[in-house]
Amino acid sequence: MSDLEKVRKMYDNGFRCIRYDDTSDGDMCIYFKNFDNEESQAIRVRSFEEKMQIKNFINQSSMK
């Protein structure tokens, strides 16, 4: 399963991105929280292409 698919599944399960740390030449850490049950999770993404896809997904999802 790709990192983008993991993020989509997390959003389907009620998690939302609360922050991400991205370095220009390294990994991106994304922090999620489910505000219904107060659970938190984090994932690390290495692929530049997936980082861009995930950022776009998060930005589009937060505008709803």
PDB file of N, CA and C in Angstrom:
ATOM      1  N   MET A   1       0.848  -1.171   0.000  1.00  0.00           N
ATOM      2  CA  MET A   1       0.000   0.000   0.000  1.00  0.00           C
ATOM      3  C   MET A   1       0.900   1.242   0.000  1.00  0.00           C
ATOM      4  N   SER A   2       0.602   2.164  -0.857  1.00  0.00           N
ATOM      5  CA  SER A   2       1.402   3.393  -0.940  1.00  0.00           C
ATOM      6  C   SER A   2       1.084   4.304   0.249  1.00  0.00           C
ATOM      7  N   ASP A   3       1.961   5.254   0.496  1.00  0.00           N
ATOM      8  CA  ASP A   3       1.737   6.201   1.591  1.00  0.00           C
ATOM      9  C   ASP A   3       0.490   7.043   1.345  1.00  0.00           C
ATOM     10  N   LEU A   4       0.228   7.404   0.092  1.00  0.00           N
ATOM     11  CA  LEU A   4      -0.974   8.173  -0.216  1.00  0.00           C
ATOM     12  C   LEU A   4      -2.228   7.368   0.114  1.00  0.00           C
ATOM     13  N   GLU A   5      -2.230   6.090  -0.205  1.00  0.00           N
ATOM     14  CA  GLU A   5      -3.374   5.239   0.126  1.00  0.00           C
ATOM     15  C   GLU A   5      -3.559   5.138   1.640  1.00  0.00           C
ATOM     16  N   LYS A   6      -2.456   5.071   2.383  1.00  0.00           N
ATOM     17  CA  LYS A   6      -2.532   5.039   3.847  1.00  0.00           C
ATOM     18  C   LYS A   6      -3.183   6.309   4.376  1.00  0.00           C
ATOM     19  N   VAL A   7      -2.778   7.454   3.816  1.00  0.00           N
ATOM     20  CA  VAL A   7      -3.345   8.738   4.255  1.00  0.00           C
ATOM     21  C   VAL A   7      -4.831   8.795   3.938  1.00  0.00           C
ATOM     22  N   ARG A   8      -5.220   8.380   2.749  1.00  0.00           N
ATOM     23  CA  ARG A   8      -6.651   8.369   2.384  1.00  0.00           C
ATOM     24  C   ARG A   8      -7.452   7.479   3.329  1.00  0.00           C
ATOM     25  N   LYS A   9      -6.907   6.315   3.665  1.00  0.00           N
ATOM     26  CA  LYS A   9      -7.594   5.398   4.572  1.00  0.00           C
ATOM     27  C   LYS A   9      -7.714   6.019   5.962  1.00  0.00           C
ATOM     28  N   MET A  10      -6.659   6.709   6.401  1.00  0.00           N
ATOM     29  CA  MET A  10      -6.721   7.376   7.697  1.00  0.00           C
ATOM     30  C   MET A  10      -7.812   8.452   7.698  1.00  0.00           C
ATOM     31  N   TYR A  11      -7.913   9.214   6.611  1.00  0.00           N
ATOM     32  CA  TYR A  11      -8.965  10.237   6.516  1.00  0.00           C
ATOM     33  C   TYR A  11     -10.340   9.590   6.534  1.00  0.00           C
ATOM     34  N   ASP A  12     -10.484   8.440   5.877  1.00  0.00           N
ATOM     35  CA  ASP A  12     -11.757   7.717   5.898  1.00  0.00           C
ATOM     36  C   ASP A  12     -12.120   7.254   7.307  1.00  0.00           C
ATOM     37  N   ASN A  13     -11.095   7.004   8.132  1.00  0.00           N
ATOM     38  CA  ASN A  13     -11.316   6.541   9.502  1.00  0.00           C
ATOM     39  C   ASN A  13     -11.381   7.688  10.512  1.00  0.00           C
ATOM     40  N   GLY A  14     -11.459   8.928  10.035  1.00  0.00           N
ATOM     41  CA  GLY A  14     -11.679  10.068  10.919  1.00  0.00           C
ATOM     42  C   GLY A  14     -10.439  10.831  11.328  1.00  0.00           C
ATOM     43  N   PHE A  15      -9.269  10.432  10.861  1.00  0.00           N
ATOM     44  CA  PHE A  15      -8.050  11.157  11.196  1.00  0.00           C
ATOM     45  C   PHE A  15      -7.926  12.400  10.325  1.00  0.00           C
ATOM     46  N   ARG A  16      -7.285  13.426  10.874  1.00  0.00           N
ATOM     47  CA  ARG A  16      -6.993  14.644  10.134  1.00  0.00           C
ATOM     48  C   ARG A  16      -5.544  15.034  10.386  1.00  0.00           C
ATOM     49  N   CYS A  17      -4.942  15.635   9.384  1.00  0.00           N
ATOM     50  CA  CYS A  17      -3.558  16.097   9.513  1.00  0.00           C
ATOM     51  C   CYS A  17      -3.556  17.316  10.425  1.00  0.00           C
ATOM     52  N   ILE A  18      -2.694  17.260  11.436  1.00  0.00           N
ATOM     53  CA  ILE A  18      -2.574  18.418  12.318  1.00  0.00           C
ATOM     54  C   ILE A  18      -1.269  19.168  12.069  1.00  0.00           C
ATOM     55  N   ARG A  19      -0.314  18.497  11.394  1.00  0.00           N
ATOM     56  CA  ARG A  19       0.949  19.158  11.072  1.00  0.00           C
ATOM     57  C   ARG A  19       1.791  18.249  10.197  1.00  0.00           C
ATOM     58  N   TYR A  20       2.602  18.861   9.338  1.00  0.00           N
ATOM     59  CA  TYR A  20       3.635  18.071   8.669  1.00  0.00           C
ATOM     60  C   TYR A  20       4.917  18.874   8.599  1.00  0.00           C
ATOM     61  N   ASP A  21       6.023  18.151   8.755  1.00  0.00           N
ATOM     62  CA  ASP A  21       7.363  18.728   8.685  1.00  0.00           C
ATOM     63  C   ASP A  21       8.016  18.177   7.434  1.00  0.00           C
ATOM     64  N   ASP A  22       8.401  19.052   6.540  1.00  0.00           N
ATOM     65  CA  ASP A  22       8.988  18.620   5.281  1.00  0.00           C
ATOM     66  C   ASP A  22      10.317  19.330   5.072  1.00  0.00           C
ATOM     67  N   THR A  23      11.335  18.550   4.801  1.00  0.00           N
ATOM     68  CA  THR A  23      12.626  19.134   4.459  1.00  0.00           C
ATOM     69  C   THR A  23      12.812  19.001   2.955  1.00  0.00           C
ATOM     70  N   SER A  24      13.554  19.891   2.377  1.00  0.00           N
ATOM     71  CA  SER A  24      13.682  19.915   0.917  1.00  0.00           C
ATOM     72  C   SER A  24      14.376  18.686   0.367  1.00  0.00           C
ATOM     73  N   ASP A  25      15.259  18.077   1.132  1.00  0.00           N
ATOM     74  CA  ASP A  25      15.987  16.930   0.598  1.00  0.00           C
ATOM     75  C   ASP A  25      15.852  15.681   1.463  1.00  0.00           C
ATOM     76  N   GLY A  26      14.867  15.655   2.346  1.00  0.00           N
ATOM     77  CA  GLY A  26      14.730  14.509   3.236  1.00  0.00           C
ATOM     78  C   GLY A  26      13.302  14.030   3.355  1.00  0.00           C
ATOM     79  N   ASP A  27      13.052  13.340   4.435  1.00  0.00           N
ATOM     80  CA  ASP A  27      11.736  12.767   4.677  1.00  0.00           C
ATOM     81  C   ASP A  27      10.742  13.835   5.114  1.00  0.00           C
ATOM     82  N   MET A  28       9.469  13.505   4.962  1.00  0.00           N
ATOM     83  CA  MET A  28       8.396  14.347   5.467  1.00  0.00           C
ATOM     84  C   MET A  28       7.669  13.557   6.551  1.00  0.00           C
ATOM     85  N   CYS A  29       7.531  14.129   7.723  1.00  0.00           N
ATOM     86  CA  CYS A  29       6.777  13.518   8.813  1.00  0.00           C
ATOM     87  C   CYS A  29       5.406  14.172   8.853  1.00  0.00           C
ATOM     88  N   ILE A  30       4.375  13.333   8.881  1.00  0.00           N
ATOM     89  CA  ILE A  30       3.001  13.831   8.903  1.00  0.00           C
ATOM     90  C   ILE A  30       2.348  13.324  10.179  1.00  0.00           C
ATOM     91  N   TYR A  31       1.721  14.232  10.918  1.00  0.00           N
ATOM     92  CA  TYR A  31       1.098  13.909  12.188  1.00  0.00           C
ATOM     93  C   TYR A  31      -0.418  14.018  12.041  1.00  0.00           C
ATOM     94  N   PHE A  32      -1.116  12.989  12.515  1.00  0.00           N
ATOM     95  CA  PHE A  32      -2.570  12.902  12.383  1.00  0.00           C
ATOM     96  C   PHE A  32      -3.211  12.738  13.749  1.00  0.00           C
ATOM     97  N   LYS A  33      -4.454  13.217  13.845  1.00  0.00           N
ATOM     98  CA  LYS A  33      -5.220  13.031  15.069  1.00  0.00           C
ATOM     99  C   LYS A  33      -6.664  12.742  14.705  1.00  0.00           C
ATOM    100  N   ASN A  34      -7.250  11.806  15.435  1.00  0.00           N
ATOM    101  CA  ASN A  34      -8.675  11.536  15.330  1.00  0.00           C
ATOM    102  C   ASN A  34      -9.313  12.234  16.528  1.00  0.00           C
ATOM    103  N   PHE A  35     -10.077  13.265  16.281  1.00  0.00           N
ATOM    104  CA  PHE A  35     -10.622  14.077  17.363  1.00  0.00           C
ATOM    105  C   PHE A  35     -11.808  13.420  18.049  1.00  0.00           C
ATOM    106  N   ASP A  36     -12.352  12.353  17.463  1.00  0.00           N
ATOM    107  CA  ASP A  36     -13.454  11.632  18.108  1.00  0.00           C
ATOM    108  C   ASP A  36     -12.954  10.758  19.251  1.00  0.00           C
ATOM    109  N   ASN A  37     -11.831  10.070  19.031  1.00  0.00           N
ATOM    110  CA  ASN A  37     -11.337   9.166  20.069  1.00  0.00           C
ATOM    111  C   ASN A  37      -9.965   9.580  20.621  1.00  0.00           C
ATOM    112  N   GLU A  38      -9.472  10.743  20.212  1.00  0.00           N
ATOM    113  CA  GLU A  38      -8.207  11.316  20.691  1.00  0.00           C
ATOM    114  C   GLU A  38      -6.973  10.481  20.343  1.00  0.00           C
ATOM    115  N   GLU A  39      -7.080   9.591  19.366  1.00  0.00           N
ATOM    116  CA  GLU A  39      -5.937   8.791  18.931  1.00  0.00           C
ATOM    117  C   GLU A  39      -5.050   9.621  18.010  1.00  0.00           C
ATOM    118  N   SER A  40      -3.750   9.408  18.106  1.00  0.00           N
ATOM    119  CA  SER A  40      -2.783  10.111  17.255  1.00  0.00           C
ATOM    120  C   SER A  40      -1.906   9.093  16.540  1.00  0.00           C
ATOM    121  N   GLN A  41      -1.476   9.443  15.326  1.00  0.00           N
ATOM    122  CA  GLN A  41      -0.563   8.608  14.562  1.00  0.00           C
ATOM    123  C   GLN A  41       0.344   9.513  13.744  1.00  0.00           C
ATOM    124  N   ALA A  42       1.457   8.947  13.295  1.00  0.00           N
ATOM    125  CA  ALA A  42       2.391   9.685  12.445  1.00  0.00           C
ATOM    126  C   ALA A  42       2.941   8.734  11.400  1.00  0.00           C
ATOM    127  N   ILE A  43       3.238   9.278  10.220  1.00  0.00           N
ATOM    128  CA  ILE A  43       3.898   8.484   9.190  1.00  0.00           C
ATOM    129  C   ILE A  43       5.045   9.301   8.615  1.00  0.00           C
ATOM    130  N   ARG A  44       6.004   8.600   8.028  1.00  0.00           N
ATOM    131  CA  ARG A  44       7.163   9.231   7.403  1.00  0.00           C
ATOM    132  C   ARG A  44       7.136   8.881   5.921  1.00  0.00           C
ATOM    133  N   VAL A  45       7.280   9.903   5.074  1.00  0.00           N
ATOM    134  CA  VAL A  45       7.234   9.720   3.623  1.00  0.00           C
ATOM    135  C   VAL A  45       8.583  10.126   3.046  1.00  0.00           C
ATOM    136  N   ARG A  46       9.121   9.292   2.158  1.00  0.00           N
ATOM    137  CA  ARG A  46      10.436   9.564   1.578  1.00  0.00           C
ATOM    138  C   ARG A  46      10.364  10.031   0.122  1.00  0.00           C
ATOM    139  N   SER A  47       9.450   9.498  -0.637  1.00  0.00           N
ATOM    140  CA  SER A  47       9.367   9.783  -2.068  1.00  0.00           C
ATOM    141  C   SER A  47       8.880  11.217  -2.311  1.00  0.00           C
ATOM    142  N   PHE A  48       9.636  11.966  -3.125  1.00  0.00           N
ATOM    143  CA  PHE A  48       9.247  13.344  -3.436  1.00  0.00           C
ATOM    144  C   PHE A  48       7.872  13.391  -4.090  1.00  0.00           C
ATOM    145  N   GLU A  49       7.621  12.491  -5.034  1.00  0.00           N
ATOM    146  CA  GLU A  49       6.335  12.480  -5.739  1.00  0.00           C
ATOM    147  C   GLU A  49       5.182  12.214  -4.776  1.00  0.00           C
ATOM    148  N   GLU A  50       5.362  11.264  -3.878  1.00  0.00           N
ATOM    149  CA  GLU A  50       4.301  10.978  -2.912  1.00  0.00           C
ATOM    150  C   GLU A  50       4.112  12.127  -1.939  1.00  0.00           C
ATOM    151  N   LYS A  51       5.204  12.799  -1.576  1.00  0.00           N
ATOM    152  CA  LYS A  51       5.073  13.966  -0.703  1.00  0.00           C
ATOM    153  C   LYS A  51       4.159  15.008  -1.350  1.00  0.00           C
ATOM    154  N   MET A  52       4.373  15.269  -2.618  1.00  0.00           N
ATOM    155  CA  MET A  52       3.565  16.264  -3.322  1.00  0.00           C
ATOM    156  C   MET A  52       2.105  15.819  -3.425  1.00  0.00           C
ATOM    157  N   GLN A  53       1.886  14.542  -3.725  1.00  0.00           N
ATOM    158  CA  GLN A  53       0.520  14.023  -3.823  1.00  0.00           C
ATOM    159  C   GLN A  53      -0.198  14.102  -2.477  1.00  0.00           C
ATOM    160  N   ILE A  54       0.496  13.762  -1.413  1.00  0.00           N
ATOM    161  CA  ILE A  54      -0.110  13.802  -0.080  1.00  0.00           C
ATOM    162  C   ILE A  54      -0.407  15.240   0.332  1.00  0.00           C
ATOM    163  N   LYS A  55       0.516  16.154   0.075  1.00  0.00           N
ATOM    164  CA  LYS A  55       0.262  17.568   0.390  1.00  0.00           C
ATOM    165  C   LYS A  55      -0.972  18.068  -0.357  1.00  0.00           C
ATOM    166  N   ASN A  56      -1.090  17.734  -1.630  1.00  0.00           N
ATOM    167  CA  ASN A  56      -2.258  18.145  -2.410  1.00  0.00           C
ATOM    168  C   ASN A  56      -3.539  17.545  -1.830  1.00  0.00           C
ATOM    169  N   PHE A  57      -3.503  16.265  -1.475  1.00  0.00           N
ATOM    170  CA  PHE A  57      -4.681  15.617  -0.892  1.00  0.00           C
ATOM    171  C   PHE A  57      -5.080  16.303   0.415  1.00  0.00           C
ATOM    172  N   ILE A  58      -4.105  16.549   1.280  1.00  0.00           N
ATOM    173  CA  ILE A  58      -4.400  17.194   2.569  1.00  0.00           C
ATOM    174  C   ILE A  58      -4.967  18.592   2.349  1.00  0.00           C
ATOM    175  N   ASN A  59      -4.383  19.361   1.456  1.00  0.00           N
ATOM    176  CA  ASN A  59      -4.861  20.713   1.203  1.00  0.00           C
ATOM    177  C   ASN A  59      -6.270  20.705   0.616  1.00  0.00           C
ATOM    178  N   GLN A  60      -6.550  19.791  -0.303  1.00  0.00           N
ATOM    179  CA  GLN A  60      -7.897  19.701  -0.876  1.00  0.00           C
ATOM    180  C   GLN A  60      -8.906  19.239   0.164  1.00  0.00           C
ATOM    181  N   SER A  61      -8.501  18.315   1.013  1.00  0.00           N
ATOM    182  CA  SER A  61      -9.422  17.783   2.032  1.00  0.00           C
ATOM    183  C   SER A  61      -9.710  18.801   3.127  1.00  0.00           C
ATOM    184  N   SER A  62      -8.775  19.667   3.409  1.00  0.00           N
ATOM    185  CA  SER A  62      -8.999  20.651   4.470  1.00  0.00           C
ATOM    186  C   SER A  62      -9.868  21.809   4.001  1.00  0.00           C
ATOM    187  N   MET A  63     -10.056  21.940   2.718  1.00  0.00           N
ATOM    188  CA  MET A  63     -10.879  23.032   2.193  1.00  0.00           C
ATOM    189  C   MET A  63     -12.360  22.673   2.184  1.00  0.00           C
ATOM    190  N   LYS A  64     -12.691  21.434   2.478  1.00  0.00           N
ATOM    191  CA  LYS A  64     -14.101  20.998   2.460  1.00  0.00           C
ATOM    192  C   LYS A  64     -14.829  21.461   3.677  1.00  0.00           C
TER     193      LYS A  64
END
